[in-house]
N, C-alpha and C. Protein backbone atom coordinates (compact mmCIF):
# COMPACT_ATOMS: atom_id res chain seq x y z
N UNK A 1 21.28 18.90 -0.62
CA UNK A 1 21.63 17.59 -1.16
C UNK A 1 21.74 16.54 -0.04
N UNK A 2 21.45 15.35 -0.32
CA UNK A 2 21.65 14.29 0.67
C UNK A 2 23.09 14.12 1.02
N UNK A 3 23.39 14.02 2.30
CA UNK A 3 24.78 13.76 2.68
C UNK A 3 25.06 12.31 2.40
N UNK A 4 26.33 11.99 2.46
CA UNK A 4 26.80 10.69 2.11
C UNK A 4 26.17 9.65 3.07
N UNK A 5 26.05 10.03 4.32
CA UNK A 5 25.46 9.14 5.39
C UNK A 5 24.00 8.74 4.98
N UNK A 6 23.24 9.77 4.58
CA UNK A 6 21.88 9.48 4.22
C UNK A 6 21.80 8.65 2.93
N UNK A 7 22.66 8.91 2.04
CA UNK A 7 22.66 8.10 0.79
C UNK A 7 23.02 6.64 1.07
N UNK A 8 23.95 6.45 1.92
CA UNK A 8 24.36 5.08 2.28
C UNK A 8 23.17 4.34 2.97
N UNK A 9 22.52 5.02 3.86
CA UNK A 9 21.40 4.41 4.56
C UNK A 9 20.22 4.09 3.55
N UNK A 10 19.97 5.00 2.65
CA UNK A 10 18.91 4.75 1.68
C UNK A 10 19.22 3.54 0.81
N UNK A 11 20.42 3.41 0.38
CA UNK A 11 20.86 2.25 -0.45
C UNK A 11 20.75 1.00 0.34
N UNK A 12 21.12 1.04 1.63
CA UNK A 12 21.00 -0.14 2.47
C UNK A 12 19.56 -0.58 2.68
N UNK A 13 18.69 0.49 2.74
CA UNK A 13 17.26 0.15 2.93
C UNK A 13 16.71 -0.53 1.65
N UNK A 14 17.04 -0.05 0.47
CA UNK A 14 16.58 -0.64 -0.76
C UNK A 14 17.02 -2.08 -0.85
N UNK A 15 18.27 -2.31 -0.58
CA UNK A 15 18.82 -3.66 -0.63
C UNK A 15 18.10 -4.55 0.35
N UNK A 16 17.94 -4.09 1.59
CA UNK A 16 17.27 -4.84 2.62
C UNK A 16 15.86 -5.26 2.21
N UNK A 17 15.12 -4.31 1.65
CA UNK A 17 13.75 -4.61 1.29
C UNK A 17 13.61 -5.60 0.13
N UNK A 18 14.65 -5.64 -0.78
CA UNK A 18 14.64 -6.50 -1.92
C UNK A 18 15.18 -7.89 -1.61
N UNK A 19 15.99 -8.01 -0.55
CA UNK A 19 16.57 -9.30 -0.21
C UNK A 19 15.53 -10.44 -0.06
N UNK A 20 14.46 -10.10 0.64
CA UNK A 20 13.48 -11.14 0.93
C UNK A 20 12.77 -11.70 -0.29
N UNK A 21 12.13 -10.90 -1.18
CA UNK A 21 11.51 -11.48 -2.34
C UNK A 21 12.46 -12.10 -3.32
N UNK A 22 13.63 -11.49 -3.52
CA UNK A 22 14.60 -12.09 -4.42
C UNK A 22 15.22 -13.41 -3.85
N UNK A 23 15.38 -13.45 -2.57
CA UNK A 23 15.79 -14.70 -1.95
C UNK A 23 14.80 -15.77 -2.05
N UNK A 24 13.52 -15.36 -1.96
CA UNK A 24 12.45 -16.35 -2.09
C UNK A 24 12.37 -16.98 -3.51
N UNK A 25 12.64 -16.09 -4.50
CA UNK A 25 12.67 -16.58 -5.90
C UNK A 25 13.76 -17.63 -6.04
N UNK A 26 14.91 -17.34 -5.48
CA UNK A 26 16.05 -18.29 -5.52
C UNK A 26 15.71 -19.57 -4.85
N UNK A 27 15.00 -19.48 -3.68
CA UNK A 27 14.58 -20.68 -2.95
C UNK A 27 13.63 -21.55 -3.79
N UNK A 28 12.72 -20.86 -4.48
CA UNK A 28 11.77 -21.55 -5.32
C UNK A 28 12.43 -22.36 -6.44
N UNK A 29 13.39 -21.67 -7.06
CA UNK A 29 14.14 -22.37 -8.10
C UNK A 29 14.95 -23.58 -7.62
N UNK A 30 15.57 -23.41 -6.42
CA UNK A 30 16.25 -24.47 -5.83
C UNK A 30 15.36 -25.66 -5.49
N UNK A 31 14.14 -25.28 -5.02
CA UNK A 31 13.21 -26.32 -4.70
C UNK A 31 12.77 -27.18 -5.88
N UNK A 32 12.59 -26.47 -7.03
CA UNK A 32 12.30 -27.20 -8.24
C UNK A 32 13.41 -28.09 -8.70
N UNK A 33 14.68 -27.62 -8.56
CA UNK A 33 15.79 -28.42 -8.88
C UNK A 33 15.97 -29.59 -8.04
N UNK A 34 15.69 -29.50 -6.74
CA UNK A 34 15.97 -30.58 -5.84
C UNK A 34 14.82 -31.60 -5.75
N UNK A 35 13.57 -31.10 -5.84
CA UNK A 35 12.43 -31.98 -5.53
C UNK A 35 11.68 -32.39 -6.86
N UNK A 36 12.02 -31.69 -7.94
CA UNK A 36 11.37 -32.09 -9.20
C UNK A 36 9.90 -31.82 -9.31
N UNK A 37 9.19 -32.59 -10.07
CA UNK A 37 7.80 -32.24 -10.39
C UNK A 37 6.88 -32.28 -9.15
N UNK A 38 7.23 -33.06 -8.14
CA UNK A 38 6.31 -33.20 -7.01
C UNK A 38 6.13 -31.88 -6.25
N UNK A 39 7.15 -31.02 -6.39
CA UNK A 39 7.08 -29.72 -5.72
C UNK A 39 6.88 -28.58 -6.69
N UNK A 40 6.65 -28.84 -7.95
CA UNK A 40 6.59 -27.87 -8.98
C UNK A 40 5.52 -26.78 -8.70
N UNK A 41 4.34 -27.19 -8.32
CA UNK A 41 3.25 -26.27 -8.08
C UNK A 41 3.53 -25.30 -6.97
N UNK A 42 4.01 -25.84 -5.84
CA UNK A 42 4.33 -24.96 -4.71
C UNK A 42 5.51 -24.01 -5.08
N UNK A 43 6.48 -24.60 -5.71
CA UNK A 43 7.69 -23.78 -6.08
C UNK A 43 7.31 -22.65 -7.03
N UNK A 44 6.50 -22.96 -8.02
CA UNK A 44 6.09 -21.93 -9.01
C UNK A 44 5.25 -20.85 -8.35
N UNK A 45 4.42 -21.27 -7.41
CA UNK A 45 3.61 -20.27 -6.69
C UNK A 45 4.51 -19.30 -5.91
N UNK A 46 5.56 -19.83 -5.27
CA UNK A 46 6.50 -19.05 -4.49
C UNK A 46 7.26 -18.12 -5.42
N UNK A 47 7.71 -18.64 -6.55
CA UNK A 47 8.49 -17.81 -7.50
C UNK A 47 7.56 -16.68 -8.03
N UNK A 48 6.34 -17.02 -8.38
CA UNK A 48 5.44 -16.03 -8.96
C UNK A 48 5.11 -14.95 -7.94
N UNK A 49 4.79 -15.33 -6.70
CA UNK A 49 4.39 -14.34 -5.62
C UNK A 49 5.62 -13.44 -5.33
N UNK A 50 6.77 -14.01 -5.24
CA UNK A 50 7.96 -13.27 -4.89
C UNK A 50 8.40 -12.36 -6.07
N UNK A 51 8.23 -12.85 -7.29
CA UNK A 51 8.56 -12.05 -8.46
C UNK A 51 7.65 -10.79 -8.51
N UNK A 52 6.39 -10.95 -8.25
CA UNK A 52 5.49 -9.78 -8.29
C UNK A 52 5.84 -8.76 -7.20
N UNK A 53 6.26 -9.32 -6.00
CA UNK A 53 6.60 -8.45 -4.91
C UNK A 53 7.90 -7.65 -5.23
N UNK A 54 8.83 -8.35 -5.83
CA UNK A 54 10.13 -7.67 -6.17
C UNK A 54 9.88 -6.58 -7.25
N UNK A 55 9.01 -6.94 -8.22
CA UNK A 55 8.70 -5.91 -9.28
C UNK A 55 8.01 -4.71 -8.69
N UNK A 56 7.05 -4.92 -7.75
CA UNK A 56 6.31 -3.83 -7.13
C UNK A 56 7.27 -2.94 -6.32
N UNK A 57 8.24 -3.55 -5.63
CA UNK A 57 9.18 -2.78 -4.83
C UNK A 57 10.09 -1.94 -5.75
N UNK A 58 10.53 -2.58 -6.80
CA UNK A 58 11.47 -1.88 -7.74
C UNK A 58 10.79 -0.66 -8.36
N UNK A 59 9.53 -0.86 -8.77
CA UNK A 59 8.81 0.22 -9.37
C UNK A 59 8.56 1.39 -8.36
N UNK A 60 8.23 1.04 -7.15
CA UNK A 60 8.02 1.99 -6.12
C UNK A 60 9.29 2.77 -5.86
N UNK A 61 10.43 2.08 -5.69
CA UNK A 61 11.68 2.67 -5.39
C UNK A 61 12.12 3.59 -6.51
N UNK A 62 11.93 3.19 -7.76
CA UNK A 62 12.30 4.02 -8.93
C UNK A 62 11.56 5.34 -8.91
N UNK A 63 10.26 5.33 -8.50
CA UNK A 63 9.49 6.56 -8.50
C UNK A 63 9.64 7.32 -7.21
N UNK A 64 9.73 6.67 -6.07
CA UNK A 64 9.78 7.38 -4.85
C UNK A 64 11.20 8.01 -4.62
N UNK A 65 12.20 7.35 -5.08
CA UNK A 65 13.59 7.88 -4.89
C UNK A 65 14.24 8.36 -6.13
N UNK A 66 13.83 7.88 -7.28
CA UNK A 66 14.44 8.26 -8.55
C UNK A 66 13.83 9.50 -9.22
N UNK A 67 14.34 9.82 -10.40
CA UNK A 67 13.92 11.05 -11.05
C UNK A 67 12.57 10.93 -11.69
N UNK A 68 12.16 9.65 -12.06
CA UNK A 68 10.90 9.46 -12.75
C UNK A 68 9.68 9.99 -11.95
N UNK A 69 9.71 9.86 -10.66
CA UNK A 69 8.54 10.26 -9.82
C UNK A 69 8.43 11.76 -9.77
N UNK A 70 9.41 12.53 -10.29
CA UNK A 70 9.38 13.97 -10.17
C UNK A 70 8.79 14.59 -11.43
N UNK A 71 8.53 13.73 -12.48
CA UNK A 71 8.00 14.25 -13.73
C UNK A 71 6.53 14.74 -13.63
N UNK A 72 6.18 15.86 -14.12
CA UNK A 72 4.82 16.33 -14.06
C UNK A 72 3.83 15.45 -14.88
N UNK A 73 4.34 14.63 -15.81
CA UNK A 73 3.51 13.81 -16.61
C UNK A 73 3.06 12.59 -15.85
N UNK A 74 3.66 12.35 -14.69
CA UNK A 74 3.31 11.19 -13.86
C UNK A 74 2.13 11.58 -12.93
N UNK A 75 0.98 11.06 -13.25
CA UNK A 75 -0.26 11.57 -12.59
C UNK A 75 -0.75 10.59 -11.51
N UNK A 76 -1.99 10.93 -11.03
CA UNK A 76 -2.56 10.18 -9.86
C UNK A 76 -2.97 8.75 -10.26
N UNK A 77 -3.36 8.56 -11.50
CA UNK A 77 -3.77 7.16 -11.87
C UNK A 77 -2.52 6.19 -11.76
N UNK A 78 -1.37 6.65 -12.27
CA UNK A 78 -0.16 5.84 -12.20
C UNK A 78 0.35 5.69 -10.75
N UNK A 79 0.22 6.83 -9.99
CA UNK A 79 0.62 6.81 -8.60
C UNK A 79 -0.19 5.77 -7.83
N UNK A 80 -1.50 5.75 -8.10
CA UNK A 80 -2.41 4.79 -7.43
C UNK A 80 -2.00 3.31 -7.77
N UNK A 81 -1.70 3.11 -9.06
CA UNK A 81 -1.34 1.75 -9.44
C UNK A 81 -0.10 1.28 -8.75
N UNK A 82 0.91 2.12 -8.60
CA UNK A 82 2.15 1.76 -7.94
C UNK A 82 1.85 1.56 -6.45
N UNK A 83 1.03 2.36 -5.89
CA UNK A 83 0.75 2.23 -4.42
C UNK A 83 -0.02 0.92 -4.15
N UNK A 84 -0.98 0.58 -5.00
CA UNK A 84 -1.76 -0.62 -4.79
C UNK A 84 -0.88 -1.87 -4.95
N UNK A 85 0.03 -1.87 -5.91
CA UNK A 85 0.95 -3.01 -6.08
C UNK A 85 1.86 -3.17 -4.85
N UNK A 86 2.28 -2.06 -4.31
CA UNK A 86 3.15 -2.13 -3.14
C UNK A 86 2.39 -2.63 -1.92
N UNK A 87 1.18 -2.11 -1.69
CA UNK A 87 0.40 -2.47 -0.51
C UNK A 87 -0.15 -3.86 -0.56
N UNK A 88 -0.23 -4.47 -1.74
CA UNK A 88 -0.83 -5.76 -1.90
C UNK A 88 -0.14 -6.88 -1.08
N UNK A 89 1.16 -6.66 -0.84
CA UNK A 89 1.91 -7.70 -0.08
C UNK A 89 2.19 -7.28 1.39
N UNK A 90 1.49 -6.27 1.80
CA UNK A 90 1.61 -5.84 3.21
C UNK A 90 0.39 -6.24 4.02
N UNK A 91 0.41 -5.95 5.35
CA UNK A 91 -0.76 -6.21 6.18
C UNK A 91 -1.73 -5.02 6.18
N UNK A 92 -1.50 -4.07 5.34
CA UNK A 92 -2.25 -2.84 5.34
C UNK A 92 -3.22 -2.78 4.12
N UNK A 93 -4.41 -2.35 4.37
CA UNK A 93 -5.39 -2.15 3.25
C UNK A 93 -5.29 -0.71 2.75
N UNK A 94 -5.33 -0.57 1.44
CA UNK A 94 -5.31 0.81 0.86
C UNK A 94 -6.64 1.17 0.42
N UNK A 95 -7.17 2.33 0.93
CA UNK A 95 -8.47 2.83 0.53
C UNK A 95 -8.29 4.13 -0.19
N UNK A 96 -8.14 4.03 -1.54
CA UNK A 96 -7.89 5.21 -2.32
C UNK A 96 -9.12 5.91 -2.75
N UNK A 97 -9.37 7.09 -2.35
CA UNK A 97 -10.66 7.78 -2.61
C UNK A 97 -10.45 8.98 -3.52
N UNK A 98 -9.34 9.21 -4.04
CA UNK A 98 -9.06 10.35 -4.91
C UNK A 98 -9.40 9.96 -6.32
N UNK A 99 -10.30 10.60 -7.01
CA UNK A 99 -10.64 10.33 -8.37
C UNK A 99 -9.65 10.95 -9.34
N UNK A 100 -9.67 10.47 -10.59
CA UNK A 100 -8.73 11.01 -11.60
C UNK A 100 -8.84 12.50 -11.87
N UNK A 101 -9.98 13.08 -11.62
CA UNK A 101 -10.14 14.50 -11.88
C UNK A 101 -10.29 15.28 -10.59
N UNK A 102 -9.85 14.76 -9.48
CA UNK A 102 -10.04 15.36 -8.20
C UNK A 102 -8.70 15.19 -7.36
N UNK A 103 -7.71 15.95 -7.56
CA UNK A 103 -7.57 17.08 -8.54
C UNK A 103 -7.37 16.56 -9.97
N UNK A 104 -7.06 17.49 -10.85
CA UNK A 104 -6.67 17.11 -12.20
C UNK A 104 -5.53 16.21 -12.20
N UNK A 105 -5.48 15.29 -13.15
CA UNK A 105 -4.47 14.25 -13.15
C UNK A 105 -3.08 14.77 -13.47
N UNK A 106 -2.92 16.00 -13.98
CA UNK A 106 -1.64 16.55 -14.22
C UNK A 106 -1.24 17.17 -12.90
N UNK A 107 -0.15 16.71 -12.34
CA UNK A 107 0.31 17.13 -11.04
C UNK A 107 1.57 18.00 -11.11
N UNK A 108 1.78 18.87 -10.18
CA UNK A 108 3.02 19.66 -10.11
C UNK A 108 4.21 18.73 -9.99
N UNK A 109 5.35 19.10 -10.49
CA UNK A 109 6.57 18.25 -10.41
C UNK A 109 6.90 17.84 -8.99
N UNK A 110 7.23 16.58 -8.81
CA UNK A 110 7.55 16.11 -7.47
C UNK A 110 6.43 15.59 -6.66
N UNK A 111 5.19 15.79 -7.09
CA UNK A 111 4.01 15.51 -6.32
C UNK A 111 3.90 13.94 -6.11
N UNK A 112 4.06 13.21 -7.24
CA UNK A 112 3.92 11.76 -7.13
C UNK A 112 4.99 11.18 -6.19
N UNK A 113 6.19 11.71 -6.37
CA UNK A 113 7.32 11.22 -5.52
C UNK A 113 7.04 11.45 -4.04
N UNK A 114 6.63 12.70 -3.75
CA UNK A 114 6.39 13.03 -2.34
C UNK A 114 5.15 12.28 -1.78
N UNK A 115 4.20 12.09 -2.60
CA UNK A 115 2.95 11.31 -2.19
C UNK A 115 3.33 9.83 -1.88
N UNK A 116 4.12 9.27 -2.74
CA UNK A 116 4.48 7.84 -2.53
C UNK A 116 5.34 7.71 -1.29
N UNK A 117 6.27 8.63 -1.06
CA UNK A 117 7.13 8.57 0.12
C UNK A 117 6.30 8.72 1.38
N UNK A 118 5.34 9.64 1.38
CA UNK A 118 4.44 9.87 2.52
C UNK A 118 3.56 8.65 2.82
N UNK A 119 3.16 8.01 1.75
CA UNK A 119 2.34 6.80 1.87
C UNK A 119 3.13 5.68 2.55
N UNK A 120 4.33 5.46 2.06
CA UNK A 120 5.23 4.46 2.69
C UNK A 120 5.49 4.79 4.15
N UNK A 121 5.73 6.01 4.40
CA UNK A 121 6.00 6.46 5.83
C UNK A 121 4.75 6.10 6.68
N UNK A 122 3.59 6.40 6.18
CA UNK A 122 2.33 6.09 6.95
C UNK A 122 2.21 4.60 7.11
N UNK A 123 2.51 3.82 6.08
CA UNK A 123 2.38 2.36 6.17
C UNK A 123 3.31 1.75 7.24
N UNK A 124 4.44 2.37 7.38
CA UNK A 124 5.40 1.81 8.33
C UNK A 124 4.96 2.03 9.75
N UNK A 125 4.07 2.96 10.02
CA UNK A 125 3.57 3.20 11.33
C UNK A 125 2.56 2.06 11.78
N UNK A 126 2.00 1.42 10.83
CA UNK A 126 0.98 0.33 11.12
C UNK A 126 1.63 -0.99 11.26
N UNK A 127 2.35 -1.17 12.39
CA UNK A 127 3.12 -2.44 12.61
C UNK A 127 2.21 -3.63 12.76
N UNK A 128 0.99 -3.42 13.13
CA UNK A 128 0.05 -4.53 13.31
C UNK A 128 -1.04 -4.51 12.23
N UNK A 129 -0.79 -3.81 11.11
CA UNK A 129 -1.80 -3.78 10.07
C UNK A 129 -2.81 -2.64 10.28
N UNK A 130 -3.60 -2.45 9.28
CA UNK A 130 -4.61 -1.39 9.42
C UNK A 130 -5.03 -0.91 8.05
N UNK A 131 -5.45 0.30 7.94
CA UNK A 131 -5.98 0.89 6.71
C UNK A 131 -5.27 2.24 6.45
N UNK A 132 -4.90 2.46 5.19
CA UNK A 132 -4.44 3.80 4.81
C UNK A 132 -5.47 4.33 3.80
N UNK A 133 -5.95 5.55 4.09
CA UNK A 133 -6.89 6.21 3.24
C UNK A 133 -6.22 7.38 2.59
N UNK A 134 -6.35 7.49 1.25
CA UNK A 134 -5.84 8.57 0.48
C UNK A 134 -7.06 9.37 -0.02
N UNK A 135 -7.17 10.59 0.37
CA UNK A 135 -8.40 11.35 0.04
C UNK A 135 -8.05 12.85 -0.16
N UNK A 136 -8.97 13.55 -0.85
CA UNK A 136 -8.87 15.01 -0.96
C UNK A 136 -9.40 15.58 0.31
N UNK A 137 -8.57 16.41 0.95
CA UNK A 137 -8.97 17.01 2.22
C UNK A 137 -8.69 18.45 2.23
N UNK A 138 -9.71 19.28 1.96
CA UNK A 138 -9.46 20.74 1.85
C UNK A 138 -9.01 21.30 3.17
N UNK A 139 -9.56 20.85 4.33
CA UNK A 139 -9.25 21.40 5.62
C UNK A 139 -9.37 22.92 5.56
N UNK A 140 -10.35 23.40 4.88
CA UNK A 140 -10.55 24.87 4.74
C UNK A 140 -9.78 25.47 3.66
N UNK A 141 -8.91 24.66 3.03
CA UNK A 141 -8.05 25.15 1.90
C UNK A 141 -8.13 24.11 0.79
N UNK A 142 -8.50 24.55 -0.43
CA UNK A 142 -8.50 23.64 -1.55
C UNK A 142 -7.08 23.22 -1.86
N UNK A 143 -7.00 22.08 -2.47
CA UNK A 143 -5.65 21.60 -2.90
C UNK A 143 -4.89 20.81 -1.89
N UNK A 144 -5.52 19.80 -1.23
CA UNK A 144 -4.83 19.03 -0.24
C UNK A 144 -5.19 17.56 -0.44
N UNK A 145 -4.13 16.77 -0.36
CA UNK A 145 -4.28 15.29 -0.33
C UNK A 145 -3.89 14.79 1.03
N UNK A 146 -4.79 14.12 1.70
CA UNK A 146 -4.56 13.58 3.02
C UNK A 146 -4.27 12.07 2.98
N UNK A 147 -3.24 11.61 3.64
CA UNK A 147 -2.93 10.18 3.79
C UNK A 147 -3.13 9.87 5.25
N UNK A 148 -4.13 9.10 5.57
CA UNK A 148 -4.47 8.83 6.91
C UNK A 148 -4.34 7.32 7.22
N UNK A 149 -3.45 7.04 8.18
CA UNK A 149 -3.19 5.66 8.66
C UNK A 149 -4.01 5.36 9.85
N UNK A 150 -4.82 4.35 9.84
CA UNK A 150 -5.68 3.97 10.99
C UNK A 150 -5.47 2.52 11.34
N UNK A 151 -5.30 2.24 12.61
CA UNK A 151 -5.04 0.86 13.04
C UNK A 151 -4.81 0.83 14.56
N UNK A 152 -4.45 -0.39 15.04
CA UNK A 152 -4.24 -0.55 16.43
C UNK A 152 -3.08 0.37 16.92
N UNK A 153 -2.05 0.49 16.09
CA UNK A 153 -0.93 1.35 16.32
C UNK A 153 -0.69 2.15 15.06
N UNK A 154 -0.74 3.53 15.19
CA UNK A 154 -0.39 4.38 14.08
C UNK A 154 0.28 5.59 14.66
N UNK A 155 1.54 5.51 14.88
CA UNK A 155 2.24 6.59 15.53
C UNK A 155 3.66 6.64 15.01
N UNK A 156 4.07 7.87 14.63
CA UNK A 156 5.43 8.04 14.14
C UNK A 156 6.29 8.36 15.34
N UNK A 157 7.45 7.68 15.40
CA UNK A 157 8.35 7.88 16.55
C UNK A 157 8.92 9.31 16.55
N UNK A 158 9.36 9.77 17.74
CA UNK A 158 9.94 11.11 17.82
C UNK A 158 11.14 11.19 16.93
N UNK A 159 11.89 10.12 16.81
CA UNK A 159 13.06 10.08 15.93
C UNK A 159 12.70 10.34 14.44
N UNK A 160 11.67 9.65 14.02
CA UNK A 160 11.24 9.77 12.61
C UNK A 160 10.60 11.10 12.37
N UNK A 161 9.82 11.60 13.34
CA UNK A 161 9.15 12.91 13.23
C UNK A 161 10.22 14.04 13.11
N UNK A 162 11.32 13.92 13.89
CA UNK A 162 12.31 14.93 13.81
C UNK A 162 13.00 14.86 12.45
N UNK A 163 13.23 13.72 11.96
CA UNK A 163 13.91 13.56 10.62
C UNK A 163 12.98 14.06 9.55
N UNK A 164 11.69 13.83 9.63
CA UNK A 164 10.75 14.33 8.66
C UNK A 164 10.76 15.88 8.60
N UNK A 165 10.90 16.48 9.73
CA UNK A 165 10.83 17.94 9.82
C UNK A 165 12.21 18.56 9.47
N UNK A 166 13.24 17.70 9.23
CA UNK A 166 14.59 18.24 8.87
C UNK A 166 15.39 18.67 10.04
N UNK A 167 15.01 18.20 11.23
CA UNK A 167 15.73 18.68 12.44
C UNK A 167 16.88 17.70 12.79
N UNK A 168 17.05 16.64 12.04
CA UNK A 168 18.08 15.61 12.38
C UNK A 168 19.29 15.79 11.43
N UNK A 169 20.45 16.04 11.94
CA UNK A 169 21.57 16.09 11.10
C UNK A 169 21.84 14.74 10.43
N UNK A 170 22.39 14.81 9.15
CA UNK A 170 22.51 13.59 8.41
C UNK A 170 23.39 12.53 9.14
N UNK A 171 24.38 12.99 9.89
CA UNK A 171 25.25 12.02 10.58
C UNK A 171 24.58 11.34 11.73
N UNK A 172 23.39 11.79 12.14
CA UNK A 172 22.65 11.16 13.20
C UNK A 172 21.56 10.29 12.74
N UNK A 173 21.35 10.21 11.41
CA UNK A 173 20.33 9.39 10.91
C UNK A 173 20.59 7.89 11.18
N UNK A 174 19.49 7.12 11.26
CA UNK A 174 19.56 5.69 11.44
C UNK A 174 18.69 5.00 10.37
N UNK A 175 18.77 3.72 10.20
CA UNK A 175 17.90 3.01 9.28
C UNK A 175 16.46 3.24 9.54
N UNK A 176 16.08 3.56 10.82
CA UNK A 176 14.66 3.73 11.19
C UNK A 176 14.18 5.13 10.81
N UNK A 177 15.08 6.05 10.60
CA UNK A 177 14.64 7.45 10.39
C UNK A 177 14.93 7.97 8.96
N UNK A 178 15.77 7.25 8.20
CA UNK A 178 16.21 7.81 6.94
C UNK A 178 15.11 8.00 5.90
N UNK A 179 14.07 7.12 5.93
CA UNK A 179 13.01 7.34 5.01
C UNK A 179 12.23 8.57 5.31
N UNK A 180 11.93 8.78 6.61
CA UNK A 180 11.28 10.05 7.00
C UNK A 180 12.08 11.26 6.58
N UNK A 181 13.41 11.18 6.77
CA UNK A 181 14.29 12.34 6.40
C UNK A 181 14.14 12.57 4.83
N UNK A 182 14.18 11.48 4.06
CA UNK A 182 13.99 11.64 2.61
C UNK A 182 12.70 12.25 2.21
N UNK A 183 11.65 11.79 2.91
CA UNK A 183 10.28 12.23 2.64
C UNK A 183 10.18 13.77 2.86
N UNK A 184 10.67 14.28 4.02
CA UNK A 184 10.70 15.66 4.24
C UNK A 184 11.56 16.44 3.31
N UNK A 185 12.69 15.84 2.96
CA UNK A 185 13.63 16.53 2.01
C UNK A 185 12.96 16.72 0.64
N UNK A 186 12.31 15.69 0.17
CA UNK A 186 11.62 15.84 -1.18
C UNK A 186 10.50 16.85 -1.08
N UNK A 187 9.71 16.86 -0.01
CA UNK A 187 8.59 17.84 0.09
C UNK A 187 9.15 19.24 0.11
N UNK A 188 10.20 19.51 0.81
CA UNK A 188 10.77 20.83 0.86
C UNK A 188 11.37 21.27 -0.48
N UNK A 189 12.05 20.29 -1.12
CA UNK A 189 12.71 20.57 -2.43
C UNK A 189 11.72 20.95 -3.47
N UNK A 190 10.52 20.27 -3.48
CA UNK A 190 9.53 20.56 -4.47
C UNK A 190 8.42 21.55 -3.98
N UNK A 191 8.71 22.17 -2.84
CA UNK A 191 7.80 23.18 -2.30
C UNK A 191 6.39 22.64 -2.10
N UNK A 192 6.28 21.46 -1.54
CA UNK A 192 5.05 20.87 -1.19
C UNK A 192 4.89 20.87 0.37
N UNK A 193 4.06 21.79 0.86
CA UNK A 193 3.91 21.81 2.35
C UNK A 193 3.34 20.50 2.86
N UNK A 194 3.95 19.96 3.86
CA UNK A 194 3.51 18.71 4.44
C UNK A 194 3.32 18.83 5.94
N UNK A 195 2.13 18.42 6.36
CA UNK A 195 1.84 18.52 7.81
C UNK A 195 1.60 17.12 8.36
N UNK A 196 1.85 16.98 9.67
CA UNK A 196 1.69 15.71 10.34
C UNK A 196 0.79 15.86 11.55
N UNK A 197 -0.26 15.03 11.64
CA UNK A 197 -1.09 15.09 12.82
C UNK A 197 -1.23 13.68 13.42
N UNK A 198 -1.10 13.57 14.74
CA UNK A 198 -1.30 12.27 15.44
C UNK A 198 -2.27 12.53 16.56
N UNK A 199 -3.29 11.62 16.61
CA UNK A 199 -4.27 11.85 17.62
C UNK A 199 -4.13 10.98 18.85
N UNK A 200 -3.05 10.04 18.83
CA UNK A 200 -2.81 9.28 19.99
C UNK A 200 -3.73 8.07 20.21
N UNK A 201 -4.69 7.93 19.26
CA UNK A 201 -5.69 6.88 19.37
C UNK A 201 -5.73 5.98 18.12
N UNK A 202 -4.57 5.69 17.69
CA UNK A 202 -4.39 4.77 16.55
C UNK A 202 -4.64 5.39 15.17
N UNK A 203 -4.45 6.70 15.07
CA UNK A 203 -4.61 7.36 13.77
C UNK A 203 -3.51 8.40 13.53
N UNK A 204 -2.94 8.35 12.42
CA UNK A 204 -1.97 9.29 11.97
C UNK A 204 -2.29 9.87 10.63
N UNK A 205 -2.10 11.15 10.43
CA UNK A 205 -2.53 11.82 9.20
C UNK A 205 -1.42 12.67 8.65
N UNK A 206 -1.02 12.41 7.42
CA UNK A 206 0.02 13.19 6.72
C UNK A 206 -0.73 13.91 5.62
N UNK A 207 -0.68 15.29 5.56
CA UNK A 207 -1.41 16.04 4.56
C UNK A 207 -0.41 16.80 3.64
N UNK A 208 -0.59 16.63 2.37
CA UNK A 208 0.21 17.39 1.38
C UNK A 208 -0.62 18.44 0.82
N UNK A 209 -0.17 19.70 0.93
CA UNK A 209 -0.81 20.86 0.36
C UNK A 209 -0.30 21.10 -1.03
N UNK A 210 -1.14 21.02 -2.05
CA UNK A 210 -0.76 21.12 -3.42
C UNK A 210 -1.39 22.32 -4.15
N UNK A 211 -0.68 22.97 -5.01
CA UNK A 211 -1.19 24.16 -5.72
C UNK A 211 -2.09 23.77 -6.89
N UNK A 212 -3.30 23.27 -6.61
CA UNK A 212 -4.27 23.00 -7.69
C UNK A 212 -5.64 23.45 -7.27
């Protein structure tokens, strides 16, 4: 189970990520109230964009951290939809190459949750933007989904890598490592082997081994 320290950090992370789009919505409403019709178009654009971002984050958080993402009925098509909405507001391009029948769209419990967490983890390594590719990667073994982050910088810190592997005690977690900790925890809980490869040349690869 997550220790209290990890739970507190995860809650802080969710609130931190939602502050920006929700604050922007509030700013847009205030702009309309103060400036009237002359600023209506710009204000509505701000509210609309921020509203979509907040909705995308909430849906991602519900599935990545909540119970919904663990349901076997939640398949790859829905996972892709959530991932695309999340990535739309980042500097990262999502290249989703996994078809609906590759593997079958019915996934083992916890797969969608673990996949989304691994995808967010990969995106966070691309501080200068880049591309994340989601593909079927047998690597000599059928049943693997690879998440590959490619860009100018794509490297997981030693702190995050240790947290991902479960080597970091909960009391030593930080806001920078708590998501990696949760990703590894979910993978182990749902018996989804997860491997991490870094080539040192702007590419990071997270592979989920799945029983299909």
